[in-house]
């Protein structure tokens, strides 16, 4: 009877459904069975002795996906994925503060989460969340379906002035200036930091 290895792995830089597809195809090409796959998380099974975990890690690294082995780095990656989900699930409606949402989700006090995140990423959770929201604002501006006020509402800003100030601080230009650009500059979400 053939023996199998089963591994649960946290993966960095998985930010969209296309990432899931790429990883699934890479693994299936190697003969690895995907038991579970979601953003930031992977559970695989493969015949013992036929495939090395290091070979899987190298194959995924070619597509810029990294295994996250350190416990604190895993927490950071999970925080990023939760923030990404919040930004992608528009409109962002606040019934609670972001700090409360994350503390509840991770069953840890927010101060500890913030300390772990800041040590790893050199910015605060709040600053990273602003960067995500500004990138989403750029995307929504490009679609030309919403007014700036509607974009501010969708992204959970208290008003258009708050969004405008944050946008200018992050990008160095106003939203109107950005809208007029022929070549809009958007950053891949896995490259914000």
Protein backbone atom coordinates (compact mmCIF):
# COMPACT_ATOMS: atom_id res chain seq x y z
CA UNK A 1 0.00 0.00 0.00
CA UNK A 2 1.38 3.38 -1.04
CA UNK A 3 2.15 5.88 1.73
CA UNK A 4 1.34 9.56 1.36
CA UNK A 5 2.60 12.79 2.83
CA UNK A 6 0.00 15.42 3.72
CA UNK A 7 1.02 19.03 4.31
CA UNK A 8 -0.90 22.17 5.26
CA UNK A 9 0.96 25.25 4.06
CA UNK A 10 0.47 29.00 4.39
CA UNK A 11 1.40 30.74 1.13
CA UNK A 12 2.38 34.36 0.58
CA UNK A 13 1.30 36.47 -2.43
CA UNK A 14 -1.97 34.68 -3.19
CA UNK A 15 -4.33 37.56 -3.82
CA UNK A 16 -6.92 36.48 -6.38
CA UNK A 17 -8.75 33.59 -7.98
CA UNK A 18 -6.17 33.44 -10.78
CA UNK A 19 -3.53 32.71 -8.15
CA UNK A 20 -5.56 29.70 -7.07
CA UNK A 21 -5.76 28.48 -10.65
CA UNK A 22 -2.01 28.87 -11.25
CA UNK A 23 -1.14 27.00 -8.06
CA UNK A 24 -3.60 24.20 -8.75
CA UNK A 25 -2.23 23.72 -12.29
CA UNK A 26 1.40 23.79 -11.10
CA UNK A 27 0.72 21.20 -8.42
CA UNK A 28 -1.35 18.91 -10.62
CA UNK A 29 1.41 19.00 -13.26
CA UNK A 30 3.78 17.71 -10.57
CA UNK A 31 1.41 14.91 -9.55
CA UNK A 32 0.43 16.57 -6.28
CA UNK A 33 -3.16 16.15 -5.11
CA UNK A 34 -4.75 19.38 -3.90
CA UNK A 35 -6.97 18.60 -0.92
CA UNK A 36 -7.80 22.20 -0.03
CA UNK A 37 -6.93 25.49 -1.69
CA UNK A 38 -7.96 28.98 -0.70
CA UNK A 39 -6.24 32.34 -0.66
CA UNK A 40 -3.17 32.03 1.53
CA UNK A 41 -3.74 28.39 2.44
CA UNK A 42 -3.01 25.06 0.83
CA UNK A 43 -3.41 21.42 1.86
CA UNK A 44 -1.74 18.84 -0.37
CA UNK A 45 -1.09 15.12 -0.57
CA UNK A 46 1.52 13.26 -2.58
CA UNK A 47 3.18 9.83 -2.63
CA UNK A 48 5.96 9.56 -0.05
CA UNK A 49 9.41 9.46 -1.60
CA UNK A 50 8.27 10.43 -5.11
CA UNK A 51 8.03 14.19 -4.66
CA UNK A 52 9.95 16.44 -2.29
CA UNK A 53 8.30 19.32 -0.50
CA UNK A 54 11.29 21.48 -1.46
CA UNK A 55 10.55 20.80 -5.16
CA UNK A 56 6.98 21.98 -4.63
CA UNK A 57 8.25 25.08 -2.86
CA UNK A 58 10.65 25.84 -5.74
CA UNK A 59 7.93 25.34 -8.36
CA UNK A 60 5.59 27.77 -6.60
CA UNK A 61 8.42 30.25 -6.09
CA UNK A 62 8.81 30.45 -9.87
CA UNK A 63 5.32 32.02 -9.89
CA UNK A 64 6.29 34.28 -6.95
CA UNK A 65 4.39 32.32 -4.31
CA UNK A 66 6.29 31.70 -1.09
CA UNK A 67 5.85 29.19 1.71
CA UNK A 68 5.38 31.04 5.00
CA UNK A 69 6.96 28.98 7.75
CA UNK A 70 7.40 31.42 10.63
CA UNK A 71 4.33 31.65 12.90
CA UNK A 72 4.39 35.46 13.06
CA UNK A 73 4.79 35.72 9.28
CA UNK A 74 1.76 33.44 8.94
CA UNK A 75 -0.24 35.84 11.12
CA UNK A 76 0.90 38.78 8.97
CA UNK A 77 -0.13 36.99 5.78
CA UNK A 78 -3.53 36.14 7.26
CA UNK A 79 -4.04 39.77 8.33
CA UNK A 80 -3.24 40.91 4.77
CA UNK A 81 -5.71 38.42 3.30
CA UNK A 82 -8.44 39.51 5.70
CA UNK A 83 -7.87 43.16 4.80
CA UNK A 84 -7.94 42.27 1.12
CA UNK A 85 -11.28 40.49 1.59
CA UNK A 86 -12.68 43.56 3.33
CA UNK A 87 -11.57 45.85 0.48
CA UNK A 88 -12.93 43.52 -2.19
CA UNK A 89 -16.31 43.13 -0.49
CA UNK A 90 -17.75 46.55 -1.29
CA UNK A 91 -19.21 48.59 0.18
CA UNK A 92 -17.03 48.57 3.27
CA UNK A 93 -19.49 49.04 6.08
CA UNK A 94 -18.16 49.64 9.53
CA UNK A 95 -20.20 48.31 12.39
CA UNK A 96 -16.98 47.94 14.35
CA UNK A 97 -13.51 49.43 14.26
CA UNK A 98 -10.96 47.59 12.13
CA UNK A 99 -8.99 46.84 15.29
CA UNK A 100 -12.04 45.11 16.82
CA UNK A 101 -12.72 43.11 13.65
CA UNK A 102 -9.15 41.80 13.51
CA UNK A 103 -8.89 41.12 17.24
CA UNK A 104 -12.11 39.12 17.07
CA UNK A 105 -11.05 37.24 13.94
CA UNK A 106 -7.64 36.24 15.32
CA UNK A 107 -8.66 35.87 18.97
CA UNK A 108 -5.70 38.08 19.94
CA UNK A 109 -5.56 41.60 21.24
CA UNK A 110 -5.08 44.14 18.49
CA UNK A 111 -1.94 45.59 20.04
CA UNK A 112 -0.17 42.20 19.64
CA UNK A 113 -1.35 41.85 16.04
CA UNK A 114 -0.24 45.38 15.23
CA UNK A 115 3.19 44.81 16.77
CA UNK A 116 3.73 41.57 14.80
CA UNK A 117 2.55 43.23 11.56
CA UNK A 118 4.64 46.39 11.96
CA UNK A 119 7.78 44.43 12.81
CA UNK A 120 7.42 42.33 9.66
CA UNK A 121 6.16 44.91 7.17
CA UNK A 122 7.59 48.21 8.50
CA UNK A 123 4.15 49.87 8.26
CA UNK A 124 1.14 49.68 10.52
CA UNK A 125 -1.95 47.64 9.77
CA UNK A 126 -3.87 50.90 9.34
CA UNK A 127 -1.36 52.25 6.80
CA UNK A 128 -1.47 48.99 4.83
CA UNK A 129 -5.27 49.11 4.86
CA UNK A 130 -5.15 52.66 3.49
CA UNK A 131 -2.78 51.52 0.71
CA UNK A 132 -5.21 48.74 -0.23
CA UNK A 133 -8.16 51.14 -0.25
CA UNK A 134 -6.28 53.66 -2.42
CA UNK A 135 -5.39 50.94 -4.95
CA UNK A 136 -9.06 49.96 -5.00
CA UNK A 137 -9.97 53.64 -5.48
CA UNK A 138 -7.65 53.76 -8.52
CA UNK A 139 -9.39 50.70 -9.93
CA UNK A 140 -12.84 52.22 -9.39
CA UNK A 141 -11.73 55.53 -10.95
CA UNK A 142 -10.57 53.66 -14.06
CA UNK A 143 -13.95 51.93 -14.42
CA UNK A 144 -15.61 55.39 -14.61
CA UNK A 145 -18.85 53.99 -13.20
CA UNK A 146 -18.89 55.82 -9.85
CA UNK A 147 -18.44 59.43 -8.76
CA UNK A 148 -15.65 60.27 -6.35
CA UNK A 149 -18.24 60.59 -3.57
CA UNK A 150 -19.60 57.13 -4.36
CA UNK A 151 -16.07 55.71 -4.35
CA UNK A 152 -15.47 57.30 -0.94
CA UNK A 153 -18.66 55.66 0.38
CA UNK A 154 -17.82 52.26 -1.17
CA UNK A 155 -14.37 52.28 0.43
CA UNK A 156 -15.62 53.27 3.87
CA UNK A 157 -14.20 56.78 4.00
CA UNK A 158 -16.18 59.23 6.12
CA UNK A 159 -16.46 61.67 3.20
CA UNK A 160 -14.94 62.68 -0.13
CA UNK A 161 -12.45 65.02 1.58
CA UNK A 162 -11.07 62.16 3.67
CA UNK A 163 -10.57 59.98 0.58
CA UNK A 164 -9.10 62.90 -1.41
CA UNK A 165 -6.57 63.65 1.32
CA UNK A 166 -5.51 60.03 1.66
CA UNK A 167 -5.32 59.61 -2.13
CA UNK A 168 -3.09 62.66 -2.53
CA UNK A 169 -0.89 61.63 0.39
CA UNK A 170 -0.34 58.12 -1.04
CA UNK A 171 -0.10 58.90 -4.77
CA UNK A 172 1.15 62.49 -4.81
CA UNK A 173 -1.74 63.57 -7.05
CA UNK A 174 -5.42 64.33 -6.76
CA UNK A 175 -8.06 61.87 -7.91
CA UNK A 176 -8.94 64.21 -10.79
CA UNK A 177 -5.30 64.31 -11.91
CA UNK A 178 -5.16 60.51 -11.72
CA UNK A 179 -8.36 60.19 -13.75
CA UNK A 180 -6.86 62.36 -16.53
CA UNK A 181 -3.71 60.22 -16.87
CA UNK A 182 -3.45 58.28 -20.11
CA UNK A 183 -1.36 55.59 -18.46
CA UNK A 184 -2.85 54.93 -15.05
CA UNK A 185 -0.38 53.65 -12.48
CA UNK A 186 -1.72 50.78 -10.40
CA UNK A 187 0.39 48.60 -8.18
CA UNK A 188 -0.07 44.85 -7.92
CA UNK A 189 -1.58 44.20 -4.48
CA UNK A 190 1.21 41.81 -3.55
CA UNK A 191 3.76 44.58 -4.24
CA UNK A 192 2.28 47.37 -2.10
CA UNK A 193 5.00 47.01 0.53
